C-alpha atoms as a PDB file:
ATOM      1  CA  MET A   1     -78.258 -80.684  27.539  1.00  0.00           C
ATOM      2  CA  ARG A   2     -78.327 -83.079  24.563  1.00  0.00           C
ATOM      3  CA  LEU A   3     -77.069 -80.203  22.426  1.00  0.00           C
ATOM      4  CA  PHE A   4     -73.704 -80.456  24.196  1.00  0.00           C
ATOM      5  CA  ASP A   5     -73.530 -84.256  24.423  1.00  0.00           C
ATOM      6  CA  LEU A   6     -70.478 -85.650  22.601  1.00  0.00           C
ATOM      7  CA  THR A   7     -71.199 -89.315  23.233  1.00  0.00           C
ATOM      8  CA  GLY A   8     -70.169 -91.414  20.234  1.00  0.00           C
ATOM      9  CA  ARG A   9     -67.860 -88.750  18.821  1.00  0.00           C
ATOM     10  CA  VAL A  10     -64.100 -88.947  18.547  1.00  0.00           C
ATOM     11  CA  ALA A  11     -61.984 -85.863  19.218  1.00  0.00           C
ATOM     12  CA  VAL A  12     -58.293 -85.353  18.464  1.00  0.00           C
ATOM     13  CA  VAL A  13     -56.643 -82.782  20.751  1.00  0.00           C
ATOM     14  CA  THR A  14     -53.080 -81.684  20.050  1.00  0.00           C
ATOM     15  CA  GLY A  15     -51.044 -80.408  22.971  1.00  0.00           C
ATOM     16  CA  GLY A  16     -53.422 -82.355  25.185  1.00  0.00           C
ATOM     17  CA  GLY A  17     -50.829 -83.518  27.674  1.00  0.00           C
ATOM     18  CA  ARG A  18     -50.695 -80.263  29.598  1.00  0.00           C
ATOM     19  CA  GLY A  19     -51.970 -76.706  29.903  1.00  0.00           C
ATOM     20  CA  LEU A  20     -54.807 -75.453  27.737  1.00  0.00           C
ATOM     21  CA  GLY A  21     -54.898 -78.568  25.573  1.00  0.00           C
ATOM     22  CA  GLN A  22     -55.205 -80.839  28.581  1.00  0.00           C
ATOM     23  CA  ALA A  23     -58.092 -78.825  30.009  1.00  0.00           C
ATOM     24  CA  ILE A  24     -59.871 -78.975  26.656  1.00  0.00           C
ATOM     25  CA  ALA A  25     -59.288 -82.735  26.435  1.00  0.00           C
ATOM     26  CA  PHE A  26     -60.742 -83.197  29.920  1.00  0.00           C
ATOM     27  CA  GLY A  27     -63.781 -81.103  29.029  1.00  0.00           C
ATOM     28  CA  LEU A  28     -64.511 -82.989  25.819  1.00  0.00           C
ATOM     29  CA  ALA A  29     -64.129 -86.324  27.623  1.00  0.00           C
ATOM     30  CA  GLU A  30     -66.524 -85.237  30.356  1.00  0.00           C
ATOM     31  CA  ALA A  31     -69.027 -84.321  27.628  1.00  0.00           C
ATOM     32  CA  GLY A  32     -68.800 -87.916  26.393  1.00  0.00           C
ATOM     33  CA  ALA A  33     -66.242 -87.826  23.592  1.00  0.00           C
ATOM     34  CA  THR A  34     -63.543 -90.410  23.045  1.00  0.00           C
ATOM     35  CA  VAL A  35     -60.353 -88.322  23.061  1.00  0.00           C
ATOM     36  CA  ILE A  36     -57.103 -88.940  21.216  1.00  0.00           C
ATOM     37  CA  ILE A  37     -54.540 -86.894  23.147  1.00  0.00           C
ATOM     38  CA  ALA A  38     -51.499 -85.955  21.084  1.00  0.00           C
ATOM     39  CA  GLY A  39     -48.167 -84.673  22.349  1.00  0.00           C
ATOM     40  CA  ARG A  40     -44.429 -85.276  22.524  1.00  0.00           C
ATOM     41  CA  THR A  41     -44.020 -86.261  26.186  1.00  0.00           C
ATOM     42  CA  ARG A  42     -45.140 -89.771  27.071  1.00  0.00           C
ATOM     43  CA  ALA A  43     -45.352 -89.155  30.821  1.00  0.00           C
ATOM     44  CA  GLU A  44     -47.701 -86.200  30.311  1.00  0.00           C
ATOM     45  CA  LEU A  45     -49.870 -88.166  27.892  1.00  0.00           C
ATOM     46  CA  GLU A  46     -50.113 -91.145  30.210  1.00  0.00           C
ATOM     47  CA  SER A  47     -51.039 -88.900  33.108  1.00  0.00           C
ATOM     48  CA  ALA A  48     -53.768 -87.173  31.078  1.00  0.00           C
ATOM     49  CA  THR A  49     -55.272 -90.403  29.747  1.00  0.00           C
ATOM     50  CA  ALA A  50     -55.209 -91.932  33.231  1.00  0.00           C
ATOM     51  CA  GLU A  51     -57.023 -88.889  34.622  1.00  0.00           C
ATOM     52  CA  ILE A  52     -59.740 -89.197  31.982  1.00  0.00           C
ATOM     53  CA  ALA A  53     -60.073 -92.924  32.654  1.00  0.00           C
ATOM     54  CA  GLY A  54     -60.361 -92.196  36.366  1.00  0.00           C
ATOM     55  CA  ARG A  55     -63.283 -89.909  35.626  1.00  0.00           C
ATOM     56  CA  GLY A  56     -65.042 -92.633  33.655  1.00  0.00           C
ATOM     57  CA  GLY A  57     -64.009 -91.495  30.170  1.00  0.00           C
ATOM     58  CA  TRP A  58     -61.960 -93.077  27.414  1.00  0.00           C
ATOM     59  CA  ALA A  59     -58.792 -91.616  25.967  1.00  0.00           C
ATOM     60  CA  VAL A  60     -55.847 -92.793  23.878  1.00  0.00           C
ATOM     61  CA  ALA A  61     -52.351 -91.315  23.922  1.00  0.00           C
ATOM     62  CA  ALA A  62     -50.681 -90.452  20.620  1.00  0.00           C
ATOM     63  CA  GLU A  63     -46.995 -89.717  21.132  1.00  0.00           C
ATOM     64  CA  LEU A  64     -45.596 -87.844  18.129  1.00  0.00           C
ATOM     65  CA  ASP A  65     -43.966 -84.612  17.045  1.00  0.00           C
ATOM     66  CA  LEU A  66     -45.970 -82.257  14.847  1.00  0.00           C
ATOM     67  CA  LEU A  67     -42.666 -80.821  13.627  1.00  0.00           C
ATOM     68  CA  ASP A  68     -42.070 -84.059  11.713  1.00  0.00           C
ATOM     69  CA  PRO A  69     -43.039 -83.447   8.065  1.00  0.00           C
ATOM     70  CA  ASP A  70     -45.690 -86.180   8.113  1.00  0.00           C
ATOM     71  CA  GLY A  71     -46.605 -85.813  11.792  1.00  0.00           C
ATOM     72  CA  PRO A  72     -50.033 -84.180  11.297  1.00  0.00           C
ATOM     73  CA  LEU A  73     -51.178 -86.735   8.725  1.00  0.00           C
ATOM     74  CA  ARG A  74     -49.897 -89.648  10.822  1.00  0.00           C
ATOM     75  CA  LEU A  75     -51.830 -88.349  13.815  1.00  0.00           C
ATOM     76  CA  ILE A  76     -55.174 -88.344  12.006  1.00  0.00           C
ATOM     77  CA  GLU A  77     -54.443 -91.749  10.484  1.00  0.00           C
ATOM     78  CA  TYR A  78     -53.579 -93.115  13.927  1.00  0.00           C
ATOM     79  CA  ALA A  79     -56.755 -91.677  15.439  1.00  0.00           C
ATOM     80  CA  VAL A  80     -58.900 -93.291  12.743  1.00  0.00           C
ATOM     81  CA  HIS A  81     -57.115 -96.601  13.290  1.00  0.00           C
ATOM     82  CA  ALA A  82     -57.452 -96.401  17.090  1.00  0.00           C
ATOM     83  CA  ALA A  83     -61.038 -95.170  17.342  1.00  0.00           C
ATOM     84  CA  GLY A  84     -62.578 -95.903  13.953  1.00  0.00           C
ATOM     85  CA  GLN A  85     -63.234 -92.289  12.986  1.00  0.00           C
ATOM     86  CA  VAL A  86     -62.504 -88.640  13.749  1.00  0.00           C
ATOM     87  CA  ASP A  87     -65.329 -86.152  14.251  1.00  0.00           C
ATOM     88  CA  ILE A  88     -63.596 -83.290  16.060  1.00  0.00           C
ATOM     89  CA  LEU A  89     -60.148 -81.732  15.792  1.00  0.00           C
ATOM     90  CA  VAL A  90     -58.834 -79.277  18.379  1.00  0.00           C
ATOM     91  CA  HIS A  91     -55.390 -77.866  17.618  1.00  0.00           C
ATOM     92  CA  ALA A  92     -54.051 -76.530  20.912  1.00  0.00           C
ATOM     93  CA  ALA A  93     -50.347 -77.438  20.645  1.00  0.00           C
ATOM     94  CA  GLY A  94     -48.002 -74.498  20.835  1.00  0.00           C
ATOM     95  CA  ILE A  95     -44.533 -73.167  21.467  1.00  0.00           C
ATOM     96  CA  GLN A  96     -43.281 -69.674  22.182  1.00  0.00           C
ATOM     97  CA  VAL A  97     -40.177 -67.614  21.439  1.00  0.00           C
ATOM     98  CA  ARG A  98     -40.121 -64.453  23.514  1.00  0.00           C
ATOM     99  CA  LYS A  99     -37.428 -62.002  22.438  1.00  0.00           C
ATOM    100  CA  PRO A 100     -37.011 -58.754  20.468  1.00  0.00           C
ATOM    101  CA  ALA A 101     -37.759 -59.141  16.763  1.00  0.00           C
ATOM    102  CA  THR A 102     -34.180 -58.171  15.901  1.00  0.00           C
ATOM    103  CA  GLU A 103     -32.922 -61.266  17.748  1.00  0.00           C
ATOM    104  CA  VAL A 104     -35.279 -63.888  16.299  1.00  0.00           C
ATOM    105  CA  THR A 105     -33.515 -66.492  14.152  1.00  0.00           C
ATOM    106  CA  ALA A 106     -34.900 -68.000  10.971  1.00  0.00           C
ATOM    107  CA  GLU A 107     -34.957 -71.397  12.680  1.00  0.00           C
ATOM    108  CA  GLU A 108     -37.039 -70.032  15.567  1.00  0.00           C
ATOM    109  CA  TRP A 109     -39.433 -68.358  13.138  1.00  0.00           C
ATOM    110  CA  ASP A 110     -39.896 -71.603  11.206  1.00  0.00           C
ATOM    111  CA  ARG A 111     -40.442 -73.749  14.330  1.00  0.00           C
ATOM    112  CA  VAL A 112     -43.159 -71.449  15.668  1.00  0.00           C
ATOM    113  CA  HIS A 113     -44.909 -71.323  12.295  1.00  0.00           C
ATOM    114  CA  ASP A 114     -44.610 -75.065  11.774  1.00  0.00           C
ATOM    115  CA  ILE A 115     -46.439 -75.771  15.030  1.00  0.00           C
ATOM    116  CA  HIS A 116     -49.039 -73.027  14.999  1.00  0.00           C
ATOM    117  CA  LEU A 117     -49.832 -72.578  11.306  1.00  0.00           C
ATOM    118  CA  ARG A 118     -48.437 -75.344   9.093  1.00  0.00           C
ATOM    119  CA  SER A 119     -49.619 -78.072  11.461  1.00  0.00           C
ATOM    120  CA  ALA A 120     -53.010 -76.405  11.827  1.00  0.00           C
ATOM    121  CA  PHE A 121     -53.535 -76.510   8.078  1.00  0.00           C
ATOM    122  CA  LEU A 122     -52.298 -80.074   7.594  1.00  0.00           C
ATOM    123  CA  LEU A 123     -54.308 -81.394  10.552  1.00  0.00           C
ATOM    124  CA  ALA A 124     -57.461 -79.640   9.365  1.00  0.00           C
ATOM    125  CA  GLN A 125     -56.881 -80.820   5.800  1.00  0.00           C
ATOM    126  CA  ALA A 126     -56.440 -84.459   6.856  1.00  0.00           C
ATOM    127  CA  THR A 127     -59.498 -84.256   9.109  1.00  0.00           C
ATOM    128  CA  ALA A 128     -61.630 -82.724   6.358  1.00  0.00           C
ATOM    129  CA  ARG A 129     -60.548 -85.351   3.832  1.00  0.00           C
ATOM    130  CA  HIS A 130     -61.554 -88.058   6.309  1.00  0.00           C
ATOM    131  CA  LEU A 131     -64.920 -86.428   6.990  1.00  0.00           C
ATOM    132  CA  LEU A 132     -65.632 -85.846   3.300  1.00  0.00           C
ATOM    133  CA  GLY A 133     -64.783 -89.470   2.613  1.00  0.00           C
ATOM    134  CA  ARG A 134     -67.418 -90.497   5.161  1.00  0.00           C
ATOM    135  CA  ALA A 135     -69.864 -87.816   3.942  1.00  0.00           C
ATOM    136  CA  ALA A 136     -70.020 -86.792   7.595  1.00  0.00           C
ATOM    137  CA  PRO A 137     -70.199 -83.370   9.261  1.00  0.00           C
ATOM    138  CA  GLY A 138     -67.501 -82.432  11.737  1.00  0.00           C
ATOM    139  CA  LYS A 139     -65.827 -79.759  13.802  1.00  0.00           C
ATOM    140  CA  VAL A 140     -62.410 -78.121  13.540  1.00  0.00           C
ATOM    141  CA  VAL A 141     -61.490 -75.926  16.488  1.00  0.00           C
ATOM    142  CA  LEU A 142     -58.317 -73.844  16.335  1.00  0.00           C
ATOM    143  CA  VAL A 143     -56.771 -72.084  19.316  1.00  0.00           C
ATOM    144  CA  GLY A 144     -55.810 -68.547  18.418  1.00  0.00           C
ATOM    145  CA  SER A 145     -54.436 -65.754  20.590  1.00  0.00           C
ATOM    146  CA  LEU A 146     -54.817 -62.139  21.569  1.00  0.00           C
ATOM    147  CA  ASN A 147     -52.027 -61.733  19.013  1.00  0.00           C
ATOM    148  CA  SER A 148     -54.515 -62.729  16.314  1.00  0.00           C
ATOM    149  CA  HIS A 149     -55.952 -59.224  16.802  1.00  0.00           C
ATOM    150  CA  ILE A 150     -53.390 -56.979  18.502  1.00  0.00           C
ATOM    151  CA  GLY A 151     -49.625 -56.575  18.548  1.00  0.00           C
ATOM    152  CA  ILE A 152     -47.812 -57.511  21.767  1.00  0.00           C
ATOM    153  CA  ARG A 153     -44.094 -56.894  22.012  1.00  0.00           C
ATOM    154  CA  GLN A 154     -41.392 -59.555  21.681  1.00  0.00           C
ATOM    155  CA  VAL A 155     -43.478 -62.364  20.171  1.00  0.00           C
ATOM    156  CA  ALA A 156     -43.196 -61.593  16.439  1.00  0.00           C
ATOM    157  CA  PRO A 157     -43.148 -65.217  15.145  1.00  0.00           C
ATOM    158  CA  TYR A 158     -46.056 -66.208  17.389  1.00  0.00           C
ATOM    159  CA  ALA A 159     -48.115 -63.123  16.488  1.00  0.00           C
ATOM    160  CA  ALA A 160     -47.562 -63.669  12.770  1.00  0.00           C
ATOM    161  CA  ALA A 161     -48.549 -67.333  13.027  1.00  0.00           C
ATOM    162  CA  LYS A 162     -51.661 -66.640  15.093  1.00  0.00           C
ATOM    163  CA  SER A 163     -52.705 -63.838  12.733  1.00  0.00           C
ATOM    164  CA  GLY A 164     -52.303 -66.266   9.847  1.00  0.00           C
ATOM    165  CA  LEU A 165     -54.391 -68.796  11.754  1.00  0.00           C
ATOM    166  CA  ALA A 166     -57.287 -66.345  11.867  1.00  0.00           C
ATOM    167  CA  GLY A 167     -57.191 -65.984   8.083  1.00  0.00           C
ATOM    168  CA  LEU A 168     -56.864 -69.728   7.604  1.00  0.00           C
ATOM    169  CA  ALA A 169     -59.930 -70.377   9.769  1.00  0.00           C
ATOM    170  CA  ARG A 170     -62.034 -67.992   7.689  1.00  0.00           C
ATOM    171  CA  VAL A 171     -61.029 -69.633   4.398  1.00  0.00           C
ATOM    172  CA  LEU A 172     -61.562 -73.185   5.623  1.00  0.00           C
ATOM    173  CA  ALA A 173     -64.905 -72.230   7.173  1.00  0.00           C
ATOM    174  CA  HIS A 174     -66.025 -70.872   3.808  1.00  0.00           C
ATOM    175  CA  GLU A 175     -64.741 -73.797   1.743  1.00  0.00           C
ATOM    176  CA  TRP A 176     -66.165 -76.550   3.932  1.00  0.00           C
ATOM    177  CA  ALA A 177     -69.427 -74.984   5.138  1.00  0.00           C
ATOM    178  CA  GLU A 178     -71.616 -76.710   2.545  1.00  0.00           C
ATOM    179  CA  SER A 179     -70.276 -80.085   3.700  1.00  0.00           C
ATOM    180  CA  GLY A 180     -71.226 -79.412   7.316  1.00  0.00           C
ATOM    181  CA  ILE A 181     -67.628 -79.088   8.512  1.00  0.00           C
ATOM    182  CA  CYS A 182     -67.530 -76.138  10.912  1.00  0.00           C
ATOM    183  CA  VAL A 183     -64.247 -74.314  11.529  1.00  0.00           C
ATOM    184  CA  ASN A 184     -64.091 -71.990  14.524  1.00  0.00           C
ATOM    185  CA  THR A 185     -61.488 -70.391  16.759  1.00  0.00           C
ATOM    186  CA  ILE A 186     -61.049 -69.923  20.497  1.00  0.00           C
ATOM    187  CA  ILE A 187     -59.130 -66.800  21.517  1.00  0.00           C
ATOM    188  CA  PRO A 188     -57.557 -67.253  24.966  1.00  0.00           C
ATOM    189  CA  GLY A 189     -56.173 -64.367  26.966  1.00  0.00           C
ATOM    190  CA  TYR A 190     -53.387 -64.809  29.505  1.00  0.00           C
ATOM    191  CA  TYR A 191     -53.296 -68.128  31.354  1.00  0.00           C
ATOM    192  CA  ARG A 192     -50.669 -69.518  33.688  1.00  0.00           C
ATOM    193  CA  THR A 193     -49.152 -72.270  31.524  1.00  0.00           C
ATOM    194  CA  ALA A 194     -45.711 -73.409  30.415  1.00  0.00           C
ATOM    195  CA  LEU A 195     -45.817 -70.819  27.603  1.00  0.00           C
ATOM    196  CA  THR A 196     -46.276 -67.904  30.003  1.00  0.00           C
ATOM    197  CA  GLU A 197     -44.094 -68.967  32.952  1.00  0.00           C
ATOM    198  CA  ASP A 198     -41.159 -66.793  31.888  1.00  0.00           C
ATOM    199  CA  LEU A 199     -43.366 -63.752  31.306  1.00  0.00           C
ATOM    200  CA  LEU A 200     -45.332 -64.010  34.541  1.00  0.00           C
ATOM    201  CA  ALA A 201     -42.164 -64.597  36.569  1.00  0.00           C
ATOM    202  CA  ASP A 202     -41.201 -60.988  35.804  1.00  0.00           C
ATOM    203  CA  ARG A 203     -43.083 -58.872  38.358  1.00  0.00           C
ATOM    204  CA  ALA A 204     -43.361 -55.798  36.126  1.00  0.00           C
ATOM    205  CA  LYS A 205     -44.724 -57.826  33.201  1.00  0.00           C
ATOM    206  CA  HIS A 206     -47.062 -59.752  35.483  1.00  0.00           C
ATOM    207  CA  ASP A 207     -48.471 -56.494  36.835  1.00  0.00           C
ATOM    208  CA  TRP A 208     -48.856 -55.108  33.295  1.00  0.00           C
ATOM    209  CA  VAL A 209     -50.804 -58.185  32.217  1.00  0.00           C
ATOM    210  CA  MET A 210     -53.067 -58.008  35.259  1.00  0.00           C
ATOM    211  CA  SER A 211     -53.720 -54.312  34.677  1.00  0.00           C
ATOM    212  CA  ARG A 212     -55.117 -55.102  31.208  1.00  0.00           C
ATOM    213  CA  ILE A 213     -57.601 -57.796  32.292  1.00  0.00           C
ATOM    214  CA  PRO A 214     -60.964 -56.337  33.359  1.00  0.00           C
ATOM    215  CA  MET A 215     -61.757 -59.465  35.417  1.00  0.00           C
ATOM    216  CA  ARG A 216     -58.502 -58.895  37.331  1.00  0.00           C
ATOM    217  CA  ARG A 217     -57.375 -62.516  37.229  1.00  0.00           C
ATOM    218  CA  LEU A 218     -55.439 -64.837  34.975  1.00  0.00           C
ATOM    219  CA  GLY A 219     -57.397 -67.492  33.155  1.00  0.00           C
ATOM    220  CA  ASP A 220     -57.459 -71.034  34.467  1.00  0.00           C
ATOM    221  CA  PRO A 221     -57.075 -73.656  31.716  1.00  0.00           C
ATOM    222  CA  SER A 222     -60.450 -75.103  32.714  1.00  0.00           C
ATOM    223  CA  ASP A 223     -62.021 -71.805  31.646  1.00  0.00           C
ATOM    224  CA  LEU A 224     -61.586 -72.927  28.017  1.00  0.00           C
ATOM    225  CA  ALA A 225     -63.561 -76.153  28.341  1.00  0.00           C
ATOM    226  CA  GLY A 226     -66.975 -74.583  27.806  1.00  0.00           C
ATOM    227  CA  ALA A 227     -66.015 -72.837  24.575  1.00  0.00           C
ATOM    228  CA  ALA A 228     -64.395 -76.019  23.269  1.00  0.00           C
ATOM    229  CA  ILE A 229     -67.450 -78.146  24.086  1.00  0.00           C
ATOM    230  CA  TYR A 230     -69.723 -75.604  22.409  1.00  0.00           C
ATOM    231  CA  PHE A 231     -67.694 -75.526  19.187  1.00  0.00           C
ATOM    232  CA  ALA A 232     -67.357 -79.347  19.204  1.00  0.00           C
ATOM    233  CA  SER A 233     -71.041 -80.047  19.809  1.00  0.00           C
ATOM    234  CA  SER A 234     -74.354 -79.880  17.962  1.00  0.00           C
ATOM    235  CA  ALA A 235     -75.043 -76.605  19.770  1.00  0.00           C
ATOM    236  CA  SER A 236     -72.851 -74.866  17.160  1.00  0.00           C
ATOM    237  CA  ASP A 237     -73.992 -76.694  14.021  1.00  0.00           C
ATOM    238  CA  TYR A 238     -74.897 -73.384  12.323  1.00  0.00           C
ATOM    239  CA  VAL A 239     -71.758 -71.596  13.502  1.00  0.00           C
ATOM    240  CA  THR A 240     -68.637 -71.460  11.357  1.00  0.00           C
ATOM    241  CA  GLY A 241     -65.879 -68.917  10.865  1.00  0.00           C
ATOM    242  CA  ALA A 242     -66.584 -67.591  14.355  1.00  0.00           C
ATOM    243  CA  GLU A 243     -64.468 -66.791  17.404  1.00  0.00           C
ATOM    244  CA  ILE A 244     -65.088 -66.982  21.114  1.00  0.00           C
ATOM    245  CA  ARG A 245     -62.844 -64.766  23.221  1.00  0.00           C
ATOM    246  CA  VAL A 246     -62.010 -66.341  26.567  1.00  0.00           C
ATOM    247  CA  ASP A 247     -59.798 -63.528  27.783  1.00  0.00           C
ATOM    248  CA  GLY A 248     -61.410 -62.010  30.878  1.00  0.00           C
ATOM    249  CA  GLY A 249     -62.487 -58.995  28.804  1.00  0.00           C
ATOM    250  CA  TRP A 250     -59.026 -58.002  27.514  1.00  0.00           C
ATOM    251  CA  LEU A 251     -59.991 -57.348  23.861  1.00  0.00           C
ATOM    252  CA  ALA A 252     -63.287 -55.722  24.825  1.00  0.00           C
ATOM    253  CA  ALA A 253     -61.353 -53.147  26.817  1.00  0.00           C
END
């Protein structure tokens, strides 16, 4: 199991205070990584770091807003200051605007893209500059979406951002491969999180979602931990520009 051992490595996880990001942070910590958990809500961050400490791990809370122009860069700088280095970046932070495309405002479009795409690039860029400065290999893991591949109604800003994320991952994987910086993407399906509460509360939409999942269940956030550990670990040192679909079979069907 040494291939999956993250002891001595430092991981930054955005959106790590709850939902998918929290489950990924817990998984990386259990694999031995020191985890910098980033988010906007102090109570959630403190709860997550306390949980990791209770399991024998080590985590640091980083309270900040990725919508701030310099938020992504400040996060990586803080992580380096707090832990001495950054080896792994997982960008799991997200927001959602669920409405017909004709009703989406320019402000809503920009906020969704700033979190999912602009922040992804700036975080990855800052992480890569740090790694290149150390002449060290590293891992960048982006969290995509079913919308990276298919069109689902009423989430136009989100779908556009996640489609852009897929293209960004391919370019960064190509540019940084020779330096040993691997860039890969996890594609979740439908999970019960804060981003899907409104959708799943509608019985007709809930039933539609369930009808499309061959495994006939929603994902649990902990289902993502294995894919995240794989992409963060030495087990994937010759893997870059790849995706793992953790969607219960949705895209296969």
